[in-house]
Amino acid sequence: MFETFLQIDGKHHLKQFSDLYVPYKARIKENGNVIFFNFVLAKEIGLIPENCNELSEELKQIILSTFALQVINEYDLENKIAIPEDKIKKGEYFATRYLQMQHRDQLGRTSGDGRSLWFGEYNGYDFVGRGTGGTKLSVGTQLYNEHLKTGDLEHYYSSGLAYLGESVHTLFTSEILNGLNISTERTLAIILFNNDETILVKAGKNLLRPAHFFAPLRQKNKKLLSQLFSYFMAKTGAKNLDECFFKIKSDLIYYASLYEAYYMFVWMDFDGDNMLLDGGALDLSTFFRMGALYNDYRIDDIVRWSTNIVEQKDKAALILQNFEQALDFLKNDKQKPLSHYKNSSHQKDFYLKYEEKLRERYFEIMGFSTDHFLWLKEAEKENTLLLFKMIRELEVIKDGKGYFHDLKGVNTQPLLSRDKILINLVFNRSEKDFSLSALFVFNNLETNNGEQITKQIKSFMALWTYLQTQIITYFDWSFTAAENLILSSIHPYKSTGNSDQALKKYFTELARSDAEKFNIELNLFIKSQIMPQQNHLEHCPEIQEIILSHRGHA
């Protein structure tokens, strides 16, 4: 019944490119328990029949046989670790090489999948496991210049393991993003072992990163770079290198503007490591949806600081710059320095189109459709730019108390909530007075500039009302329609970075104690984020309390 799983055995089209990967044999990792299986995704892929809706013992065993694997790494071979022959899988799996800025090498020769194995492919989908053991491409192996044992917790970034909390967070984040039509890795399964160790099974139609291309680019490996672009064309239908570049550029504009407009911290950087090739979100343990414009938030990753939300566009532009260099290199024999493309026409065009797309997204959030925005930018150009400027100025006002430690890094506290300002528009548009503190991110925040801020908000409300009046005059539109558009993007169950951390803890404890309840409540939580019009969490008071108590947080 589940013979399709047998085809996921290490074979993959990427294995044509020998410079891209390190081959590994793998052993069966015992005592695993399948605590989550994505039936919807498995049916989309064609792994299971449409009438399969139960995690039977047969299905559990084929999942464990296919994905509950641990790499037989260099440490095992050097130390001649005894592994029973019947526990070694017949297939040969692999870890891919890609550029990572935290590696000293900076060329992608020693970096890549440090704790992941590519299991293979089926029906156009890639399958990758996180937590399958340490490889020679891990940060730790390079820092300490030795091959390390899987499970080594004494060396930085070296264990090769993944744990229940991060796997649960990746699961609900990936499914929410997918439900919102945002490109991301999908979670097919979570396998739980002793000590909260997990293997997270990821699936996607193309799990390559920009970083996979930038490694051969840095190494001036024209052969591998050309092979990867040929693979990209086969995957996307692009007919030539120029079409590849156009698609990459369009995708970067689309997703980078979406991340900034909706306060999504993705940690874009020049190496193109933490994102999919189409700009989608990847490595979701550091993905956060902020509750306000926390534009100073950065993660402290010990060896470096991350980018912040508003810098992500600049990193997207730098990624595009790398691709421009790559395509030029393939078309010509000599590789020009990256700085040669800093002020290229493509860079200028990227920023122009990015700002345009960002404004369009903001106007949608403020209750204007795409058609309305396109009309306004011609008929009311100055006022359109002014309204965008006004909301941006309100978003970045701080409480004046400076930096504080938050989540995994540092942050500053925004004073005003964009959501609350827009809700005030919906319910108090005709009122002359309103409570300024009701628009604060948190009720206990204070400001010495209340009079000036109130004046700014009233000016914003007046201009918004004027532009909506113009739209109503020329379109089949109403204030009620605009208000409904605003409310569709604002709802009481929108989780944020801090609530996600609390939810991660809640679901982790639930997964340990009651797998059935874990799956039921997790599914309801995901639905609540995708379809807010329905009260999916009516019978989940703990989840409601967690989300509501963290609203507005980073």
Protein backbone atom coordinates (compact mmCIF):
# COMPACT_ATOMS: atom_id res chain seq x y z
CA MET A 1 0.00 0.00 0.00
CA PHE A 2 2.90 2.35 0.74
CA GLU A 3 5.40 1.18 -1.88
CA THR A 4 5.93 4.81 -2.95
CA PHE A 5 8.11 5.34 0.13
CA LEU A 6 10.56 2.73 -1.15
CA GLN A 7 11.50 5.08 -4.00
CA ILE A 8 12.90 7.59 -1.49
CA ASP A 9 16.22 5.80 -1.15
CA GLY A 10 18.95 8.38 -1.68
CA LYS A 11 18.57 8.74 -5.44
CA HIS A 12 18.27 12.33 -6.69
CA HIS A 13 18.92 14.28 -9.89
CA LEU A 14 21.30 16.55 -7.93
CA LYS A 15 23.69 13.62 -7.53
CA GLN A 16 24.72 14.20 -11.16
CA PHE A 17 26.72 17.15 -9.82
CA SER A 18 29.55 15.59 -7.83
CA ASP A 19 30.96 18.92 -6.60
CA LEU A 20 27.64 19.81 -4.94
CA TYR A 21 27.46 17.16 -2.24
CA VAL A 22 29.18 14.80 0.17
CA PRO A 23 27.90 11.19 -0.06
CA TYR A 24 27.02 9.30 3.13
CA LYS A 25 25.79 5.90 4.13
CA ALA A 26 23.15 5.89 6.85
CA ARG A 27 22.02 3.62 9.64
CA ILE A 28 18.53 3.08 11.04
CA LYS A 29 18.02 5.15 14.20
CA GLU A 30 15.99 3.02 16.57
CA ASN A 31 13.33 3.76 19.19
CA GLY A 32 11.65 6.44 17.11
CA ASN A 33 7.99 7.36 17.40
CA VAL A 34 6.07 9.19 14.67
CA ILE A 35 4.27 11.96 16.58
CA PHE A 36 3.19 13.91 13.49
CA PHE A 37 2.47 12.99 9.89
CA ASN A 38 1.16 15.48 7.33
CA PHE A 39 -1.57 13.54 5.54
CA VAL A 40 -2.59 16.52 3.41
CA LEU A 41 0.95 17.04 2.12
CA ALA A 42 1.54 13.32 1.63
CA LYS A 43 -1.56 13.16 -0.58
CA GLU A 44 -0.43 16.22 -2.56
CA ILE A 45 2.87 14.49 -3.22
CA GLY A 46 1.18 11.19 -4.07
CA LEU A 47 2.85 9.21 -1.28
CA ILE A 48 -0.39 7.85 0.14
CA PRO A 49 -3.84 7.13 -1.34
CA GLU A 50 -6.66 9.66 -0.92
CA ASN A 51 -8.57 7.40 1.47
CA CYS A 52 -5.65 7.09 3.90
CA ASN A 53 -6.38 9.19 6.99
CA GLU A 54 -5.04 7.09 9.83
CA LEU A 55 -1.51 6.57 11.10
CA SER A 56 -1.65 2.78 11.05
CA GLU A 57 1.16 0.61 12.33
CA GLU A 58 2.09 -0.25 8.72
CA LEU A 59 2.36 3.44 7.80
CA LYS A 60 4.38 4.21 10.95
CA GLN A 61 6.88 1.48 10.14
CA ILE A 62 7.41 2.61 6.53
CA ILE A 63 7.91 6.21 7.73
CA LEU A 64 10.50 5.05 10.28
CA SER A 65 12.22 2.79 7.76
CA THR A 66 12.45 5.64 5.23
CA PHE A 67 13.27 8.64 7.41
CA ALA A 68 14.47 7.53 10.87
CA LEU A 69 18.11 7.55 9.78
CA GLN A 70 21.42 8.67 11.23
CA VAL A 71 24.41 9.46 9.08
CA ILE A 72 27.45 7.19 9.29
CA ASN A 73 29.91 10.07 9.44
CA GLU A 74 33.67 10.51 9.34
CA TYR A 75 33.98 10.11 13.12
CA ASP A 76 32.23 6.74 12.94
CA LEU A 77 34.52 5.56 10.16
CA GLU A 78 37.74 6.86 11.73
CA ASN A 79 36.90 5.25 15.06
CA LYS A 80 35.59 2.06 13.46
CA ILE A 81 32.26 2.27 15.28
CA ALA A 82 30.58 -1.13 15.00
CA ILE A 83 27.23 -0.97 13.25
CA PRO A 84 25.23 -4.16 12.55
CA GLU A 85 25.02 -4.79 8.84
CA ASP A 86 21.24 -5.15 8.91
CA LYS A 87 20.94 -1.63 10.37
CA ILE A 88 22.78 0.01 7.46
CA LYS A 89 20.55 1.28 4.65
CA LYS A 90 21.36 0.08 1.16
CA GLY A 91 21.06 3.50 -0.44
CA GLU A 92 23.64 6.28 -0.42
CA TYR A 93 22.37 9.61 0.90
CA PHE A 94 24.03 13.00 0.77
CA ALA A 95 24.64 16.39 2.38
CA THR A 96 24.84 19.40 0.06
CA ARG A 97 27.50 22.09 0.04
CA TYR A 98 26.47 25.75 0.12
CA LEU A 99 27.87 29.09 1.21
CA GLN A 100 27.55 30.04 4.88
CA MET A 101 29.04 33.28 6.14
CA GLN A 102 29.81 31.89 9.62
CA HIS A 103 32.38 29.50 8.12
CA ARG A 104 35.96 30.74 8.02
CA ASP A 105 36.35 29.38 4.51
CA GLN A 106 33.84 31.89 3.05
CA LEU A 107 33.90 29.93 -0.22
CA GLY A 108 31.41 27.16 0.49
CA ARG A 109 33.97 24.36 0.26
CA THR A 110 33.52 23.31 3.90
CA SER A 111 29.99 24.50 4.66
CA GLY A 112 26.48 23.24 4.01
CA ASP A 113 24.17 20.65 5.53
CA GLY A 114 25.79 20.22 8.93
CA ARG A 115 22.97 18.19 10.49
CA SER A 116 20.82 17.22 7.53
CA LEU A 117 20.64 14.45 4.97
CA TRP A 118 18.87 14.55 1.63
CA PHE A 119 16.77 11.38 1.59
CA GLY A 120 15.98 11.58 -2.12
CA GLU A 121 13.12 12.70 -4.34
CA TYR A 122 9.71 11.49 -5.45
CA ASN A 123 7.19 12.95 -7.90
CA GLY A 124 9.12 16.24 -8.18
CA TYR A 125 9.53 16.73 -4.41
CA ASP A 126 12.78 16.83 -2.44
CA PHE A 127 12.96 15.15 0.97
CA VAL A 128 15.44 16.35 3.58
CA GLY A 129 15.83 15.36 7.23
CA ARG A 130 17.02 17.74 9.95
CA GLY A 131 18.65 16.11 12.97
CA THR A 132 20.09 13.12 11.10
CA GLY A 133 23.56 13.50 12.63
CA GLY A 134 26.71 15.57 12.19
CA THR A 135 28.45 15.87 8.83
CA LYS A 136 31.84 17.26 7.84
CA LEU A 137 30.03 20.42 6.65
CA SER A 138 28.97 21.52 10.15
CA VAL A 139 30.27 24.74 11.67
CA GLY A 140 31.72 22.77 14.58
CA THR A 141 33.82 20.49 12.38
CA GLN A 142 35.47 23.52 10.81
CA LEU A 143 35.89 25.49 14.06
CA TYR A 144 37.68 22.64 15.83
CA ASN A 145 39.34 21.13 12.76
CA GLU A 146 38.29 17.59 13.63
CA HIS A 147 35.49 15.18 12.86
CA LEU A 148 33.00 15.10 15.71
CA LYS A 149 30.66 12.46 17.05
CA THR A 150 26.93 12.82 16.50
CA GLY A 151 25.49 13.99 19.80
CA ASP A 152 28.63 15.93 20.80
CA LEU A 153 27.31 18.74 23.00
CA GLU A 154 30.67 20.11 24.12
CA HIS A 155 31.54 21.80 20.84
CA TYR A 156 29.65 24.73 19.32
CA TYR A 157 27.26 23.81 16.44
CA SER A 158 28.44 20.22 16.42
CA SER A 159 25.84 17.76 17.73
CA GLY A 160 24.09 17.11 14.42
CA LEU A 161 20.85 16.77 16.37
CA ALA A 162 17.49 18.52 16.27
CA TYR A 163 15.15 18.76 19.23
CA LEU A 164 11.41 18.63 19.76
CA GLY A 165 10.89 22.35 20.45
CA GLU A 166 12.49 23.59 17.25
CA SER A 167 10.78 20.87 15.20
CA VAL A 168 7.36 21.80 16.59
CA HIS A 169 8.02 25.50 15.89
CA THR A 170 9.09 24.70 12.33
CA LEU A 171 5.98 22.54 11.86
CA PHE A 172 3.39 25.13 12.82
CA THR A 173 5.27 28.00 11.19
CA SER A 174 5.67 26.17 7.88
CA GLU A 175 2.04 25.10 7.75
CA ILE A 176 0.78 28.60 8.57
CA LEU A 177 3.00 30.14 5.89
CA ASN A 178 1.90 27.56 3.34
CA GLY A 179 -1.73 28.21 4.24
CA LEU A 180 -1.12 31.91 3.57
CA ASN A 181 0.40 31.03 0.15
CA ILE A 182 3.90 31.99 1.25
CA SER A 183 6.60 29.74 -0.21
CA THR A 184 8.39 27.68 2.43
CA GLU A 185 9.71 24.26 3.29
CA ARG A 186 6.88 21.89 4.34
CA THR A 187 6.93 19.53 7.29
CA LEU A 188 6.02 15.98 6.28
CA ALA A 189 6.74 14.24 9.57
CA ILE A 190 8.30 14.54 13.02
CA ILE A 191 9.93 11.47 14.56
CA LEU A 192 10.60 11.66 18.31
CA PHE A 193 13.41 9.76 20.07
CA ASN A 194 14.73 9.69 23.61
CA ASN A 195 15.91 12.94 25.24
CA ASP A 196 13.61 15.00 23.00
CA GLU A 197 15.78 14.29 19.95
CA THR A 198 13.83 14.49 16.70
CA ILE A 199 14.19 14.05 13.00
CA LEU A 200 12.18 16.67 11.14
CA VAL A 201 11.29 15.46 7.65
CA LYS A 202 10.98 18.38 5.24
CA ALA A 203 9.55 18.28 1.72
CA GLY A 204 9.42 20.78 -1.12
CA LYS A 205 9.41 21.05 -4.88
CA ASN A 206 12.81 22.72 -4.81
CA LEU A 207 14.75 22.95 -1.55
CA LEU A 208 17.82 24.56 -3.09
CA ARG A 209 18.97 27.90 -1.66
CA PRO A 210 20.73 30.84 -3.33
CA ALA A 211 23.68 29.72 -1.19
CA HIS A 212 23.97 26.54 -3.28
CA PHE A 213 24.74 28.77 -6.30
CA PHE A 214 27.02 31.18 -4.45
CA ALA A 215 29.45 28.47 -3.34
CA PRO A 216 30.56 27.57 -6.90
CA LEU A 217 30.41 31.27 -7.77
CA ARG A 218 32.93 32.08 -5.02
CA GLN A 219 35.05 29.11 -6.07
CA LYS A 220 34.85 30.14 -9.75
CA ASN A 221 33.54 26.65 -10.47
CA LYS A 222 31.85 27.43 -13.77
CA LYS A 223 30.91 23.82 -14.46
CA LEU A 224 28.87 23.35 -11.27
CA LEU A 225 27.32 26.82 -11.53
CA SER A 226 26.17 26.04 -15.06
CA GLN A 227 24.80 22.66 -13.96
CA LEU A 228 22.78 24.28 -11.17
CA PHE A 229 21.24 26.83 -13.52
CA SER A 230 20.33 24.01 -15.92
CA TYR A 231 18.65 22.24 -13.00
CA PHE A 232 16.87 25.51 -12.09
CA MET A 233 15.55 25.81 -15.67
CA ALA A 234 14.27 22.24 -15.61
CA LYS A 235 12.48 22.91 -12.31
CA THR A 236 10.93 26.26 -13.23
CA GLY A 237 10.48 26.14 -16.99
CA ALA A 238 12.82 29.09 -17.56
CA LYS A 239 14.20 28.87 -21.11
CA ASN A 240 17.53 30.62 -20.64
CA LEU A 241 19.76 32.41 -18.13
CA ASP A 242 18.03 35.76 -18.62
CA GLU A 243 14.66 34.22 -17.77
CA CYS A 244 16.25 32.64 -14.68
CA PHE A 245 17.51 36.04 -13.57
CA PHE A 246 14.15 37.73 -14.21
CA LYS A 247 12.35 35.11 -12.11
CA ILE A 248 14.85 35.40 -9.25
CA LYS A 249 14.59 39.20 -9.30
CA SER A 250 10.78 39.15 -9.34
CA ASP A 251 10.62 36.61 -6.52
CA LEU A 252 13.03 38.62 -4.35
CA ILE A 253 10.95 41.78 -4.80
CA TYR A 254 7.76 39.89 -4.06
CA TYR A 255 8.91 38.18 -0.86
CA ALA A 256 11.23 40.83 0.57
CA SER A 257 8.44 43.42 0.38
CA LEU A 258 5.96 40.96 1.90
CA TYR A 259 8.29 40.23 4.83
CA GLU A 260 8.75 43.92 5.62
CA ALA A 261 5.08 44.90 5.20
CA TYR A 262 3.86 42.07 7.43
CA TYR A 263 6.69 42.32 10.00
CA MET A 264 8.25 38.97 9.18
CA PHE A 265 11.80 38.43 10.41
CA VAL A 266 13.45 35.98 8.00
CA TRP A 267 17.15 36.75 8.47
CA MET A 268 18.08 37.36 4.85
CA ASP A 269 21.79 37.82 4.28
CA PHE A 270 24.26 38.05 1.43
CA ASP A 271 25.08 34.33 1.51
CA GLY A 272 21.49 33.38 0.64
CA ASP A 273 21.54 30.69 3.30
CA ASN A 274 18.27 31.15 5.22
CA MET A 275 15.90 31.22 2.25
CA LEU A 276 14.67 29.17 -0.66
CA LEU A 277 15.73 29.93 -4.20
CA ASP A 278 12.35 31.56 -4.91
CA GLY A 279 12.66 33.88 -1.89
CA GLY A 280 10.52 31.70 0.38
CA ALA A 281 11.26 31.18 4.08
CA LEU A 282 13.65 28.43 5.16
CA ASP A 283 15.24 27.25 8.44
CA LEU A 284 12.21 28.45 10.34
CA SER A 285 13.66 28.17 13.86
CA THR A 286 14.68 31.82 13.45
CA PHE A 287 11.53 32.98 11.64
CA PHE A 288 9.31 35.38 13.59
CA ARG A 289 6.15 37.33 12.80
CA MET A 290 6.46 40.53 14.85
CA GLY A 291 3.47 42.23 16.49
CA ALA A 292 4.66 45.72 15.52
CA LEU A 293 7.53 47.23 13.52
CA TYR A 294 10.41 46.09 15.70
CA ASN A 295 12.89 47.43 13.18
CA ASP A 296 15.86 47.29 15.59
CA TYR A 297 15.51 43.60 16.48
CA ARG A 298 18.62 41.52 15.80
CA ILE A 299 19.57 37.97 16.76
CA ASP A 300 22.84 37.45 18.60
CA ASP A 301 24.30 34.39 16.88
CA ILE A 302 27.53 34.49 18.94
CA VAL A 303 29.82 34.88 15.93
CA ARG A 304 27.71 37.60 14.30
CA TRP A 305 24.59 39.76 14.54
CA SER A 306 21.66 39.16 12.23
CA THR A 307 20.08 41.72 9.93
CA ASN A 308 16.87 43.45 11.00
CA ILE A 309 13.50 43.61 9.23
CA VAL A 310 14.11 46.84 7.32
CA GLU A 311 17.60 45.73 6.24
CA GLN A 312 16.25 42.58 4.61
CA LYS A 313 15.56 44.47 1.36
CA ASP A 314 19.24 45.46 1.18
CA LYS A 315 20.27 41.84 1.67
CA ALA A 316 17.80 40.81 -1.04
CA ALA A 317 19.45 43.37 -3.33
CA LEU A 318 22.86 41.92 -2.46
CA ILE A 319 21.63 38.41 -3.23
CA LEU A 320 20.43 39.71 -6.60
CA GLN A 321 23.85 41.30 -7.09
CA ASN A 322 25.45 37.89 -6.58
CA PHE A 323 23.15 36.36 -9.19
CA GLU A 324 23.99 39.16 -11.61
CA GLN A 325 27.67 38.37 -11.10
CA ALA A 326 26.97 34.64 -11.58
CA LEU A 327 25.16 35.08 -14.89
CA ASP A 328 27.81 37.47 -16.19
CA PHE A 329 30.47 34.92 -15.22
CA LEU A 330 28.67 32.16 -17.14
CA LYS A 331 28.38 34.33 -20.24
CA ASN A 332 32.01 35.51 -20.11
CA ASP A 333 35.33 33.95 -19.22
CA LYS A 334 36.39 36.50 -16.62
CA GLN A 335 34.65 36.98 -13.27
CA LYS A 336 34.21 40.63 -12.36
CA PRO A 337 34.25 41.72 -8.69
CA LEU A 338 30.90 41.86 -6.91
CA SER A 339 31.31 45.61 -6.41
CA HIS A 340 31.09 46.04 -10.20
CA TYR A 341 27.32 45.39 -9.97
CA LYS A 342 26.61 47.59 -6.94
CA ASN A 343 25.12 50.43 -9.01
CA SER A 344 23.91 48.39 -11.96
CA SER A 345 20.63 49.09 -13.71
CA HIS A 346 19.24 45.91 -12.17
CA GLN A 347 20.03 47.19 -8.67
CA LYS A 348 18.35 50.52 -9.34
CA ASP A 349 15.35 48.78 -10.87
CA PHE A 350 15.15 46.42 -7.89
CA TYR A 351 14.86 49.27 -5.39
CA LEU A 352 12.32 51.16 -7.49
CA LYS A 353 10.08 48.11 -7.88
CA TYR A 354 10.62 47.07 -4.27
CA GLU A 355 9.45 50.43 -2.91
CA GLU A 356 6.48 50.36 -5.27
CA LYS A 357 5.49 46.85 -4.15
CA LEU A 358 5.97 47.77 -0.49
CA ARG A 359 3.64 50.77 -0.85
CA GLU A 360 1.09 48.58 -2.64
CA ARG A 361 1.17 46.09 0.23
CA TYR A 362 0.76 48.86 2.82
CA PHE A 363 -2.21 50.28 0.95
CA GLU A 364 -3.85 46.86 0.92
CA ILE A 365 -3.31 46.64 4.68
CA MET A 366 -4.90 50.12 4.94
CA GLY A 367 -8.02 49.03 3.04
CA PHE A 368 -7.21 49.84 -0.61
CA SER A 369 -7.25 47.16 -3.30
CA THR A 370 -4.48 46.82 -5.88
CA ASP A 371 -6.67 48.58 -8.49
CA HIS A 372 -7.28 51.41 -6.05
CA PHE A 373 -3.57 51.80 -5.39
CA LEU A 374 -2.71 51.86 -9.09
CA TRP A 375 -5.36 54.55 -9.67
CA LEU A 376 -4.32 56.63 -6.67
CA LYS A 377 -0.63 56.70 -7.54
CA GLU A 378 -1.56 58.41 -10.80
CA ALA A 379 -4.54 60.56 -9.73
CA GLU A 380 -3.31 61.38 -6.21
CA LYS A 381 0.43 60.81 -6.48
CA GLU A 382 1.60 63.23 -3.77
CA ASN A 383 -1.10 62.23 -1.30
CA THR A 384 -0.44 58.55 -1.94
CA LEU A 385 3.23 59.01 -1.09
CA LEU A 386 2.29 61.16 1.91
CA LEU A 387 -0.11 58.60 3.40
CA PHE A 388 2.56 55.91 3.16
CA LYS A 389 5.10 58.24 4.76
CA MET A 390 2.67 59.06 7.57
CA ILE A 391 2.01 55.43 8.56
CA ARG A 392 5.71 54.62 8.40
CA GLU A 393 6.57 57.55 10.65
CA LEU A 394 3.97 56.43 13.18
CA GLU A 395 5.28 52.84 13.15
CA VAL A 396 8.85 53.75 14.06
CA ILE A 397 8.11 55.98 17.06
CA LYS A 398 9.80 54.36 20.09
CA ASP A 399 9.17 54.46 23.83
CA GLY A 400 12.56 56.17 24.29
CA LYS A 401 14.01 53.60 26.70
CA GLY A 402 16.64 52.24 24.34
CA TYR A 403 17.71 48.65 23.71
CA PHE A 404 16.67 45.61 25.76
CA HIS A 405 17.27 41.86 25.48
CA ASP A 406 14.45 40.03 23.69
CA LEU A 407 13.95 36.56 22.21
CA LYS A 408 17.45 35.60 21.03
CA GLY A 409 18.89 39.10 20.67
CA VAL A 410 18.32 42.81 21.26
CA ASN A 411 15.42 45.10 20.50
CA THR A 412 13.80 48.50 21.04
CA GLN A 413 10.15 49.05 21.87
CA PRO A 414 7.78 50.65 19.32
CA LEU A 415 5.19 52.86 20.94
CA LEU A 416 2.30 52.51 18.49
CA SER A 417 0.54 49.50 17.02
CA ARG A 418 -0.32 49.75 13.32
CA ASP A 419 -3.13 47.24 13.88
CA LYS A 420 -4.67 49.40 16.61
CA ILE A 421 -4.34 52.58 14.54
CA LEU A 422 -6.21 50.89 11.69
CA ILE A 423 -8.85 49.44 14.01
CA ASN A 424 -9.33 52.97 15.34
CA LEU A 425 -9.96 54.03 11.73
CA VAL A 426 -12.62 51.35 11.38
CA PHE A 427 -14.53 52.12 14.58
CA ASN A 428 -13.71 55.78 15.33
CA ARG A 429 -13.19 57.31 11.90
CA SER A 430 -15.82 60.00 12.43
CA GLU A 431 -14.79 60.75 16.01
CA LYS A 432 -12.68 63.82 16.66
CA ASP A 433 -11.14 62.46 19.84
CA PHE A 434 -9.69 59.10 20.75
CA SER A 435 -7.53 57.64 23.50
CA LEU A 436 -3.90 57.74 22.42
CA SER A 437 -2.88 55.09 24.95
CA ALA A 438 -5.42 52.72 23.36
CA LEU A 439 -3.22 52.76 20.25
CA PHE A 440 -0.04 51.86 22.12
CA VAL A 441 1.49 48.44 21.56
CA PHE A 442 1.12 47.90 25.32
CA ASN A 443 -1.17 49.73 27.70
CA ASN A 444 1.62 50.45 30.21
CA LEU A 445 3.78 52.38 27.73
CA GLU A 446 4.25 56.13 28.17
CA THR A 447 5.36 59.10 26.07
CA ASN A 448 6.19 62.78 26.61
CA ASN A 449 5.13 63.63 23.05
CA GLY A 450 1.47 62.70 23.29
CA GLU A 451 0.15 65.93 21.83
CA GLN A 452 2.41 65.76 18.76
CA ILE A 453 1.71 62.07 18.16
CA THR A 454 -2.06 62.61 18.46
CA LYS A 455 -1.79 65.36 15.87
CA GLN A 456 0.11 63.02 13.53
CA ILE A 457 -2.52 60.31 13.90
CA LYS A 458 -5.39 62.72 13.22
CA SER A 459 -3.61 63.97 10.08
CA PHE A 460 -3.18 60.37 8.95
CA MET A 461 -6.87 59.61 9.58
CA ALA A 462 -7.98 62.72 7.66
CA LEU A 463 -5.86 61.90 4.62
CA TRP A 464 -6.95 58.24 4.67
CA THR A 465 -10.59 59.36 4.74
CA TYR A 466 -10.02 61.77 1.85
CA LEU A 467 -8.37 59.09 -0.34
CA GLN A 468 -11.09 56.56 0.45
CA THR A 469 -13.67 59.20 -0.53
CA GLN A 470 -11.90 59.58 -3.87
CA ILE A 471 -11.99 55.82 -4.40
CA ILE A 472 -15.70 55.66 -3.52
CA THR A 473 -16.34 58.38 -6.13
CA TYR A 474 -14.64 56.52 -8.98
CA PHE A 475 -15.09 52.85 -8.00
CA ASP A 476 -17.84 50.54 -6.81
CA TRP A 477 -16.56 50.82 -3.26
CA SER A 478 -17.60 51.90 0.24
CA PHE A 479 -16.10 52.66 3.64
CA THR A 480 -17.57 49.38 4.84
CA ALA A 481 -15.69 47.48 2.11
CA ALA A 482 -12.45 49.27 3.05
CA GLU A 483 -13.00 48.52 6.72
CA ASN A 484 -13.65 44.85 5.98
CA LEU A 485 -10.39 44.70 4.00
CA ILE A 486 -8.54 46.13 7.00
CA LEU A 487 -10.18 43.74 9.45
CA SER A 488 -9.36 40.75 7.26
CA SER A 489 -5.67 41.29 8.02
CA ILE A 490 -6.20 41.96 11.73
CA HIS A 491 -7.64 39.31 14.02
CA PRO A 492 -7.30 38.30 17.68
CA TYR A 493 -5.31 35.11 17.11
CA LYS A 494 -2.35 36.48 15.17
CA SER A 495 0.69 34.95 16.84
CA THR A 496 4.03 36.74 17.11
CA GLY A 497 7.62 35.87 17.97
CA ASN A 498 7.11 35.83 21.75
CA SER A 499 3.80 34.00 21.56
CA ASP A 500 5.40 31.50 19.17
CA GLN A 501 8.05 30.78 21.80
CA ALA A 502 5.35 30.24 24.43
CA LEU A 503 3.33 28.12 21.99
CA LYS A 504 6.43 26.12 21.16
CA LYS A 505 6.79 25.30 24.86
CA TYR A 506 3.10 24.43 25.19
CA PHE A 507 3.01 22.15 22.13
CA THR A 508 6.34 20.55 23.05
CA GLU A 509 4.99 19.51 26.44
CA LEU A 510 1.78 18.32 24.81
CA ALA A 511 3.68 16.25 22.23
CA ARG A 512 5.53 14.46 25.04
CA SER A 513 2.40 13.66 27.02
CA ASP A 514 -0.50 13.30 24.57
CA ALA A 515 0.28 12.94 20.85
CA GLU A 516 -3.40 12.75 19.89
CA LYS A 517 -4.31 16.01 21.64
CA PHE A 518 -1.12 17.56 20.27
CA ASN A 519 -2.21 16.87 16.69
CA ILE A 520 -5.79 18.05 17.25
CA GLU A 521 -4.89 21.34 18.94
CA LEU A 522 -1.98 22.05 16.62
CA ASN A 523 -4.26 21.65 13.62
CA LEU A 524 -6.81 24.03 15.16
CA PHE A 525 -4.13 26.60 15.94
CA ILE A 526 -2.82 26.51 12.36
CA LYS A 527 -6.36 26.95 11.02
CA SER A 528 -6.89 29.92 13.36
CA GLN A 529 -3.94 31.71 11.79
CA ILE A 530 -5.01 30.99 8.21
CA MET A 531 -8.79 31.42 8.55
CA PRO A 532 -9.34 34.00 11.33
CA GLN A 533 -13.01 34.55 10.47
CA GLN A 534 -13.87 31.32 12.31
CA ASN A 535 -13.22 30.71 15.99
CA HIS A 536 -11.18 27.54 15.68
CA LEU A 537 -9.77 27.96 19.19
CA GLU A 538 -13.11 28.03 20.98
CA HIS A 539 -12.21 24.88 22.90
CA CYS A 540 -8.48 25.67 23.30
CA PRO A 541 -8.38 28.25 26.14
CA GLU A 542 -4.67 27.72 26.85
CA ILE A 543 -3.72 28.64 23.28
CA GLN A 544 -6.02 31.66 23.25
CA GLU A 545 -4.51 32.91 26.48
CA ILE A 546 -0.94 32.52 25.19
CA ILE A 547 -1.64 34.44 21.98
CA LEU A 548 -3.69 37.22 23.56
CA SER A 549 -1.22 37.75 26.39
CA HIS A 550 1.61 38.28 23.89
CA ARG A 551 -0.16 40.48 21.35
CA GLY A 552 2.03 43.32 20.16
CA HIS A 553 5.27 41.66 21.23
CA ALA A 554 8.14 41.05 18.87
